[in-house]
Every structure is written in structure tokens, then in C-alpha cells.
N, C-alpha and C. Protein backbone atom coordinates (compact mmCIF):
# COMPACT_ATOMS: atom_id res chain seq x y z
N MET A 1 203.16 -59.24 5.66
CA MET A 1 201.87 -59.26 6.31
C MET A 1 201.65 -57.91 6.99
N ASN A 2 200.41 -57.49 7.07
CA ASN A 2 200.08 -56.21 7.68
C ASN A 2 200.38 -56.19 9.16
N GLN A 3 200.88 -55.04 9.66
CA GLN A 3 201.05 -54.83 11.09
C GLN A 3 199.73 -54.30 11.62
N LEU A 4 199.12 -55.04 12.53
CA LEU A 4 197.80 -54.68 13.03
C LEU A 4 197.82 -54.42 14.52
N LEU A 5 196.87 -53.62 14.95
CA LEU A 5 196.64 -53.36 16.37
C LEU A 5 195.28 -53.96 16.71
N PHE A 6 195.23 -54.77 17.76
CA PHE A 6 193.99 -55.41 18.16
C PHE A 6 193.51 -54.81 19.47
N GLU A 7 192.20 -54.69 19.61
CA GLU A 7 191.66 -54.19 20.87
C GLU A 7 190.22 -54.64 21.06
N GLN A 8 189.86 -54.71 22.33
CA GLN A 8 188.46 -54.97 22.65
C GLN A 8 187.75 -53.63 22.61
N LEU A 9 186.67 -53.58 21.88
CA LEU A 9 185.95 -52.33 21.69
C LEU A 9 185.13 -52.01 22.94
N ASP A 10 185.26 -50.80 23.41
CA ASP A 10 184.45 -50.33 24.54
C ASP A 10 183.00 -50.26 24.05
N PRO A 11 182.04 -50.77 24.86
CA PRO A 11 180.63 -50.75 24.43
C PRO A 11 180.12 -49.37 24.01
N ILE A 12 180.71 -48.31 24.53
CA ILE A 12 180.26 -46.97 24.14
C ILE A 12 180.59 -46.67 22.67
N LYS A 13 181.53 -47.44 22.09
CA LYS A 13 181.94 -47.23 20.70
C LYS A 13 181.19 -48.12 19.71
N ILE A 14 180.13 -48.77 20.15
CA ILE A 14 179.35 -49.65 19.27
C ILE A 14 178.90 -48.93 18.00
N PRO A 15 178.44 -47.67 18.04
CA PRO A 15 178.05 -47.01 16.78
C PRO A 15 179.18 -46.98 15.74
N LEU A 16 180.42 -46.88 16.21
CA LEU A 16 181.57 -46.88 15.31
C LEU A 16 181.65 -48.20 14.54
N ILE A 17 181.48 -49.30 15.25
CA ILE A 17 181.58 -50.60 14.60
C ILE A 17 180.34 -50.90 13.75
N GLN A 18 179.21 -50.29 14.11
CA GLN A 18 177.99 -50.48 13.31
C GLN A 18 178.21 -49.97 11.88
N ARG A 19 178.88 -48.85 11.75
CA ARG A 19 179.17 -48.32 10.41
C ARG A 19 180.06 -49.29 9.63
N PHE A 20 181.05 -49.85 10.33
CA PHE A 20 181.95 -50.82 9.68
C PHE A 20 181.14 -52.02 9.19
N TYR A 21 180.27 -52.57 10.04
CA TYR A 21 179.46 -53.71 9.64
C TYR A 21 178.52 -53.34 8.49
N LYS A 22 177.91 -52.19 8.55
CA LYS A 22 176.99 -51.78 7.49
C LYS A 22 177.70 -51.78 6.13
N GLN A 23 178.95 -51.38 6.13
CA GLN A 23 179.72 -51.30 4.89
C GLN A 23 180.25 -52.67 4.44
N HIS A 24 180.67 -53.52 5.37
CA HIS A 24 181.38 -54.74 4.99
C HIS A 24 180.65 -56.05 5.30
N TYR A 25 179.61 -56.00 6.11
CA TYR A 25 178.86 -57.20 6.48
C TYR A 25 177.49 -56.74 6.97
N PRO A 26 176.63 -56.34 6.01
CA PRO A 26 175.37 -55.69 6.35
C PRO A 26 174.46 -56.46 7.32
N SER A 27 174.54 -57.77 7.36
CA SER A 27 173.67 -58.50 8.29
C SER A 27 174.26 -58.55 9.70
N GLY A 28 175.49 -58.10 9.87
CA GLY A 28 176.12 -58.09 11.19
C GLY A 28 175.76 -56.84 11.97
N LYS A 29 175.23 -57.02 13.16
CA LYS A 29 174.85 -55.89 13.99
C LYS A 29 175.35 -56.11 15.41
N ALA A 30 176.34 -55.33 15.80
CA ALA A 30 176.91 -55.46 17.15
C ALA A 30 175.95 -54.93 18.20
N LYS A 31 175.95 -55.59 19.35
CA LYS A 31 175.12 -55.17 20.46
C LYS A 31 176.02 -54.86 21.65
N LYS A 32 175.55 -54.01 22.54
CA LYS A 32 176.36 -53.56 23.67
C LYS A 32 176.73 -54.68 24.63
N ASP A 33 175.95 -55.77 24.64
CA ASP A 33 176.26 -56.86 25.57
C ASP A 33 177.19 -57.90 24.97
N GLU A 34 177.70 -57.64 23.76
CA GLU A 34 178.65 -58.55 23.12
C GLU A 34 180.07 -58.04 23.34
N GLN A 35 181.00 -58.98 23.33
CA GLN A 35 182.41 -58.63 23.37
C GLN A 35 182.85 -58.48 21.92
N VAL A 36 183.34 -57.31 21.55
CA VAL A 36 183.74 -57.02 20.17
C VAL A 36 185.25 -56.79 20.14
N ILE A 37 185.92 -57.54 19.29
CA ILE A 37 187.36 -57.39 19.09
C ILE A 37 187.57 -56.83 17.68
N ILE A 38 188.38 -55.80 17.59
CA ILE A 38 188.64 -55.19 16.29
C ILE A 38 190.14 -55.23 15.98
N ALA A 39 190.41 -55.14 14.69
CA ALA A 39 191.78 -54.97 14.21
C ALA A 39 191.84 -53.64 13.49
N LYS A 40 192.90 -52.89 13.77
CA LYS A 40 193.12 -51.62 13.08
C LYS A 40 194.41 -51.71 12.29
N ASP A 41 194.41 -51.08 11.12
CA ASP A 41 195.61 -51.07 10.29
C ASP A 41 196.56 -49.96 10.75
N ASN A 42 197.66 -49.77 10.02
CA ASN A 42 198.64 -48.77 10.45
C ASN A 42 198.18 -47.33 10.24
N GLN A 43 197.01 -47.13 9.62
CA GLN A 43 196.39 -45.80 9.54
C GLN A 43 195.32 -45.65 10.63
N HIS A 44 195.27 -46.62 11.54
CA HIS A 44 194.31 -46.64 12.66
C HIS A 44 192.86 -46.77 12.20
N GLN A 45 192.67 -47.37 11.04
CA GLN A 45 191.32 -47.63 10.52
C GLN A 45 190.92 -49.06 10.86
N ILE A 46 189.68 -49.25 11.25
CA ILE A 46 189.20 -50.60 11.52
C ILE A 46 189.23 -51.38 10.21
N CYS A 47 189.85 -52.55 10.25
CA CYS A 47 189.92 -53.38 9.05
C CYS A 47 189.32 -54.77 9.26
N ALA A 48 188.98 -55.11 10.51
CA ALA A 48 188.35 -56.41 10.78
C ALA A 48 187.69 -56.35 12.15
N ALA A 49 186.70 -57.23 12.31
CA ALA A 49 185.99 -57.29 13.59
C ALA A 49 185.42 -58.69 13.78
N VAL A 50 185.25 -59.04 15.05
CA VAL A 50 184.59 -60.29 15.42
C VAL A 50 183.86 -60.02 16.72
N ARG A 51 182.71 -60.68 16.87
CA ARG A 51 181.91 -60.49 18.08
C ARG A 51 181.76 -61.82 18.81
N PHE A 52 181.64 -61.73 20.13
CA PHE A 52 181.38 -62.90 20.97
C PHE A 52 180.09 -62.63 21.73
N ARG A 53 179.09 -63.41 21.38
CA ARG A 53 177.76 -63.26 21.98
C ARG A 53 177.62 -64.25 23.13
N HIS A 54 177.20 -63.78 24.28
CA HIS A 54 176.99 -64.65 25.44
C HIS A 54 175.63 -65.32 25.32
N ILE A 55 175.65 -66.64 25.40
CA ILE A 55 174.43 -67.44 25.35
C ILE A 55 174.53 -68.45 26.48
N SER A 56 173.73 -68.23 27.52
CA SER A 56 173.77 -69.09 28.70
C SER A 56 175.20 -69.09 29.25
N ASN A 57 175.81 -70.26 29.43
CA ASN A 57 177.18 -70.34 29.94
C ASN A 57 178.21 -70.44 28.82
N TYR A 58 177.81 -70.09 27.61
CA TYR A 58 178.65 -70.27 26.42
C TYR A 58 178.83 -68.94 25.71
N GLN A 59 179.68 -68.97 24.70
CA GLN A 59 179.84 -67.83 23.81
C GLN A 59 179.72 -68.32 22.38
N LEU A 60 179.18 -67.46 21.53
CA LEU A 60 179.08 -67.75 20.11
C LEU A 60 179.91 -66.72 19.37
N LEU A 61 180.95 -67.20 18.68
CA LEU A 61 181.73 -66.33 17.82
C LEU A 61 180.84 -66.02 16.63
N THR A 62 180.65 -64.75 16.35
CA THR A 62 179.74 -64.36 15.29
C THR A 62 180.22 -63.06 14.64
N GLY A 63 179.72 -62.79 13.46
CA GLY A 63 179.98 -61.52 12.81
C GLY A 63 181.43 -61.25 12.48
N MET A 64 182.21 -62.30 12.24
CA MET A 64 183.61 -62.07 11.89
C MET A 64 183.67 -61.59 10.44
N THR A 65 184.32 -60.45 10.25
CA THR A 65 184.45 -59.92 8.90
C THR A 65 185.72 -59.08 8.78
N VAL A 66 186.19 -59.02 7.56
CA VAL A 66 187.36 -58.20 7.20
C VAL A 66 186.88 -57.22 6.14
N ALA A 67 187.38 -56.00 6.20
CA ALA A 67 187.02 -54.98 5.20
C ALA A 67 187.21 -55.56 3.80
N THR A 68 186.25 -55.33 2.96
CA THR A 68 186.22 -55.92 1.61
C THR A 68 187.55 -55.76 0.88
N GLU A 69 188.12 -54.56 0.91
CA GLU A 69 189.36 -54.29 0.17
C GLU A 69 190.60 -54.90 0.83
N LYS A 70 190.45 -55.45 2.04
CA LYS A 70 191.61 -56.01 2.76
C LYS A 70 191.55 -57.54 2.87
N ARG A 71 190.57 -58.14 2.23
CA ARG A 71 190.44 -59.60 2.33
C ARG A 71 191.56 -60.31 1.57
N GLN A 72 191.78 -61.56 1.94
CA GLN A 72 192.81 -62.41 1.34
C GLN A 72 194.22 -61.91 1.63
N GLN A 73 194.40 -61.21 2.74
CA GLN A 73 195.72 -60.71 3.13
C GLN A 73 196.16 -61.28 4.48
N GLY A 74 195.41 -62.23 5.02
CA GLY A 74 195.78 -62.85 6.28
C GLY A 74 195.27 -62.12 7.52
N ILE A 75 194.48 -61.08 7.34
CA ILE A 75 194.00 -60.28 8.46
C ILE A 75 193.05 -61.10 9.34
N GLY A 76 192.17 -61.88 8.73
CA GLY A 76 191.26 -62.72 9.50
C GLY A 76 192.02 -63.72 10.35
N HIS A 77 193.07 -64.30 9.80
CA HIS A 77 193.90 -65.24 10.56
C HIS A 77 194.57 -64.55 11.75
N GLN A 78 195.09 -63.34 11.51
CA GLN A 78 195.73 -62.61 12.60
C GLN A 78 194.72 -62.28 13.71
N LEU A 79 193.52 -61.88 13.32
CA LEU A 79 192.49 -61.54 14.31
C LEU A 79 192.11 -62.78 15.13
N LEU A 80 191.92 -63.89 14.46
CA LEU A 80 191.54 -65.10 15.20
C LEU A 80 192.70 -65.63 16.05
N THR A 81 193.93 -65.47 15.60
CA THR A 81 195.09 -65.85 16.41
C THR A 81 195.14 -65.00 17.68
N PHE A 82 194.88 -63.70 17.56
CA PHE A 82 194.81 -62.83 18.72
C PHE A 82 193.73 -63.34 19.69
N CYS A 83 192.58 -63.69 19.16
CA CYS A 83 191.48 -64.19 20.00
C CYS A 83 191.86 -65.52 20.65
N GLU A 84 192.58 -66.39 19.93
CA GLU A 84 193.02 -67.66 20.52
C GLU A 84 193.91 -67.41 21.73
N GLN A 85 194.76 -66.43 21.64
CA GLN A 85 195.71 -66.15 22.72
C GLN A 85 195.07 -65.51 23.94
N ARG A 86 193.92 -64.86 23.75
CA ARG A 86 193.35 -64.07 24.86
C ARG A 86 191.90 -64.37 25.22
N ILE A 87 191.14 -64.95 24.32
CA ILE A 87 189.69 -65.03 24.54
C ILE A 87 189.13 -66.44 24.40
N LEU A 88 189.55 -67.15 23.38
CA LEU A 88 188.90 -68.43 23.08
C LEU A 88 189.15 -69.47 24.15
N HIS A 89 188.12 -70.24 24.41
CA HIS A 89 188.16 -71.35 25.37
C HIS A 89 187.13 -72.38 24.91
N GLU A 90 187.05 -73.48 25.58
CA GLU A 90 186.23 -74.60 25.11
C GLU A 90 184.73 -74.41 25.25
N GLN A 91 184.31 -73.26 25.71
CA GLN A 91 182.88 -72.95 25.76
C GLN A 91 182.48 -71.99 24.64
N VAL A 92 183.36 -71.85 23.64
CA VAL A 92 183.09 -70.97 22.50
C VAL A 92 182.72 -71.82 21.29
N TYR A 93 181.63 -71.43 20.65
CA TYR A 93 181.13 -72.11 19.47
C TYR A 93 181.05 -71.11 18.33
N CYS A 94 180.95 -71.63 17.11
CA CYS A 94 180.66 -70.78 15.96
C CYS A 94 179.83 -71.60 14.98
N PHE A 95 179.09 -70.90 14.15
CA PHE A 95 178.34 -71.52 13.06
C PHE A 95 179.00 -71.04 11.77
N ALA A 96 179.85 -71.88 11.21
CA ALA A 96 180.65 -71.49 10.05
C ALA A 96 179.88 -71.68 8.75
N LEU A 97 180.08 -70.76 7.84
CA LEU A 97 179.62 -70.97 6.47
C LEU A 97 180.52 -72.05 5.88
N ALA A 98 179.97 -72.84 4.96
CA ALA A 98 180.72 -74.00 4.42
C ALA A 98 182.09 -73.61 3.88
N HIS A 99 182.18 -72.49 3.17
CA HIS A 99 183.47 -72.11 2.57
C HIS A 99 184.50 -71.63 3.61
N LEU A 100 184.06 -71.46 4.86
CA LEU A 100 184.98 -71.02 5.91
C LEU A 100 185.32 -72.13 6.91
N LYS A 101 184.84 -73.33 6.68
CA LYS A 101 185.10 -74.43 7.62
C LYS A 101 186.60 -74.65 7.80
N ASP A 102 187.37 -74.70 6.74
CA ASP A 102 188.81 -74.93 6.86
C ASP A 102 189.51 -73.78 7.60
N PHE A 103 189.04 -72.56 7.39
CA PHE A 103 189.60 -71.40 8.10
C PHE A 103 189.45 -71.61 9.60
N TYR A 104 188.25 -71.94 10.05
CA TYR A 104 188.03 -72.14 11.48
C TYR A 104 188.74 -73.38 12.00
N THR A 105 188.82 -74.42 11.19
CA THR A 105 189.54 -75.63 11.59
C THR A 105 191.01 -75.31 11.85
N THR A 106 191.60 -74.46 11.03
CA THR A 106 192.98 -74.03 11.22
C THR A 106 193.18 -73.40 12.60
N HIS A 107 192.13 -72.79 13.12
CA HIS A 107 192.20 -72.11 14.42
C HIS A 107 191.55 -72.92 15.53
N HIS A 108 191.58 -74.24 15.38
CA HIS A 108 191.21 -75.20 16.43
C HIS A 108 189.71 -75.30 16.71
N PHE A 109 188.88 -74.91 15.77
CA PHE A 109 187.46 -75.18 15.89
C PHE A 109 187.22 -76.54 15.25
N ARG A 110 186.36 -77.33 15.85
CA ARG A 110 186.05 -78.67 15.34
C ARG A 110 184.55 -78.81 15.17
N TYR A 111 184.18 -79.56 14.14
CA TYR A 111 182.77 -79.83 13.86
C TYR A 111 182.10 -80.49 15.05
N GLN A 112 180.88 -80.08 15.34
CA GLN A 112 180.07 -80.70 16.39
C GLN A 112 178.75 -81.15 15.77
N GLU A 113 178.39 -82.37 16.01
CA GLU A 113 177.07 -82.84 15.58
C GLU A 113 176.03 -81.92 16.22
N PRO A 114 175.06 -81.44 15.46
CA PRO A 114 174.06 -80.53 16.02
C PRO A 114 173.40 -81.07 17.29
N ASP A 115 173.13 -82.37 17.33
CA ASP A 115 172.45 -82.93 18.50
C ASP A 115 173.33 -82.97 19.75
N THR A 116 174.64 -82.75 19.60
CA THR A 116 175.54 -82.76 20.76
C THR A 116 175.82 -81.34 21.28
N LEU A 117 175.29 -80.34 20.62
CA LEU A 117 175.49 -78.96 21.08
C LEU A 117 174.74 -78.72 22.38
N PRO A 118 175.25 -77.83 23.24
CA PRO A 118 174.49 -77.46 24.43
C PRO A 118 173.13 -76.90 24.00
N GLU A 119 172.14 -77.10 24.83
CA GLU A 119 170.77 -76.77 24.45
C GLU A 119 170.61 -75.34 23.93
N ALA A 120 171.15 -74.37 24.61
CA ALA A 120 170.99 -72.97 24.19
C ALA A 120 171.62 -72.72 22.82
N ILE A 121 172.77 -73.32 22.58
CA ILE A 121 173.46 -73.17 21.29
C ILE A 121 172.70 -73.94 20.21
N ARG A 122 172.26 -75.14 20.54
CA ARG A 122 171.51 -75.98 19.60
C ARG A 122 170.22 -75.29 19.16
N THR A 123 169.51 -74.70 20.10
CA THR A 123 168.26 -74.00 19.77
C THR A 123 168.52 -72.89 18.77
N LEU A 124 169.56 -72.12 18.99
CA LEU A 124 169.91 -71.04 18.08
C LEU A 124 170.32 -71.59 16.71
N TYR A 125 171.12 -72.65 16.73
CA TYR A 125 171.55 -73.27 15.47
C TYR A 125 170.34 -73.70 14.64
N PHE A 126 169.40 -74.41 15.27
CA PHE A 126 168.23 -74.87 14.52
C PHE A 126 167.34 -73.71 14.07
N ARG A 127 167.28 -72.64 14.85
CA ARG A 127 166.52 -71.46 14.42
C ARG A 127 167.12 -70.88 13.14
N TYR A 128 168.45 -70.76 13.11
CA TYR A 128 169.12 -70.23 11.92
C TYR A 128 168.95 -71.15 10.71
N THR A 129 169.12 -72.44 10.93
CA THR A 129 169.05 -73.36 9.79
C THR A 129 167.62 -73.49 9.27
N ARG A 130 166.62 -73.34 10.12
CA ARG A 130 165.22 -73.35 9.65
C ARG A 130 164.94 -72.16 8.75
N GLN A 131 165.71 -71.10 8.90
CA GLN A 131 165.56 -69.92 8.04
C GLN A 131 166.25 -70.12 6.68
N GLY A 132 166.84 -71.30 6.49
CA GLY A 132 167.47 -71.61 5.21
C GLY A 132 168.97 -71.39 5.18
N LYS A 133 169.56 -71.00 6.29
CA LYS A 133 171.01 -70.80 6.32
C LYS A 133 171.71 -72.15 6.42
N VAL A 134 172.75 -72.32 5.61
CA VAL A 134 173.55 -73.54 5.66
C VAL A 134 174.78 -73.23 6.51
N LEU A 135 174.79 -73.81 7.71
CA LEU A 135 175.83 -73.51 8.68
C LEU A 135 176.43 -74.79 9.24
N ILE A 136 177.70 -74.72 9.60
CA ILE A 136 178.40 -75.86 10.18
C ILE A 136 178.67 -75.52 11.65
N PRO A 137 178.08 -76.26 12.58
CA PRO A 137 178.33 -75.97 13.99
C PRO A 137 179.73 -76.44 14.39
N MET A 138 180.47 -75.56 15.05
CA MET A 138 181.84 -75.87 15.43
C MET A 138 182.08 -75.40 16.86
N ARG A 139 183.03 -76.07 17.53
CA ARG A 139 183.41 -75.71 18.89
C ARG A 139 184.92 -75.55 18.95
N TYR A 140 185.36 -74.57 19.70
CA TYR A 140 186.80 -74.36 19.89
C TYR A 140 187.33 -75.42 20.84
N ILE A 141 188.42 -76.04 20.44
CA ILE A 141 189.10 -77.05 21.26
C ILE A 141 190.51 -76.53 21.55
N THR A 142 190.83 -76.35 22.80
CA THR A 142 192.16 -75.86 23.18
C THR A 142 193.22 -76.84 22.67
N PRO A 143 194.17 -76.35 21.90
CA PRO A 143 195.21 -77.24 21.39
C PRO A 143 196.09 -77.77 22.52
N GLY A 144 196.51 -79.01 22.37
CA GLY A 144 197.40 -79.63 23.37
C GLY A 144 198.82 -79.15 23.17
N PRO A 145 199.70 -79.52 24.09
CA PRO A 145 201.12 -79.12 23.95
C PRO A 145 201.72 -79.78 22.71
N ARG A 146 202.68 -79.08 22.15
CA ARG A 146 203.34 -79.60 20.93
C ARG A 146 204.57 -80.38 21.28
């Protein structure tokens, strides 16, 4: 497995991550008020990123992507494991694409009925789905002791 370095991106470096998104996830656009976590490979190149958008008293995990040429190597799992250890809590939600539901489930996200989402998250979810996006609303659940 790749040896990666993880870091929270300083908001002043947002233009750097914008280039990464433009190349690997064109609809993803980082904003200065989001918390951005990146993974760098052993050549110090950004190879993955995820953003946490603040919505009311909640956060929405969004824009998670891995560099096209580095996919299917476990980098996304490593990035989300890093986030589980330092960032994720029960007020974090995500809207998963159907083919990524199992990926997020592996990292303790659980399906939430749209009508049970907090109002601010629910409003955003319905706005996205009205645009034709097929998304699965999920919430992070802190794992219990083993």
C-alpha cells in the first residue's frame, strides 16, 4: 500500500487544490470556508482530497476524489481512515453516489431516510436530487468499542 502524508490544507492554498479538482473531479470546487484534507504521495504530489462543508451545526463530506491514475489502490480508504481518526463525528453527513455506498459504509457511514435528515442537510439533499442527481444520504456513526 502507498505511504501517504495527510494534511489539512491551509485556506491560502485553495488555488492549488482547485487545479487538482479541475483535473480529477471537474465539478468539485473547494471554497475557503471549507475544511480540506489532502493526501500526498511519496513524491509530495497531491493524490487525493476531501472537503468538509459547514452547514448550520453540521458538516457535509463532499468532493472526495483520488487522482485518476491512483484509483483502486486503497488511497481513498486511507484518506477516510485518517479523517475518522481526527475529524469525523456524528454531525457529519455525506450524499454518496450509489456505487460508493459500500465504501462509505465500510467507514461507518449509515443510510439516513431523507425525511430524518436535519433541515439544513435535507434542504440541500432535495435541491441536489431535484437536479436529477441520484444520491444516498448517509450519516457518520461513531463505532462502538470492539
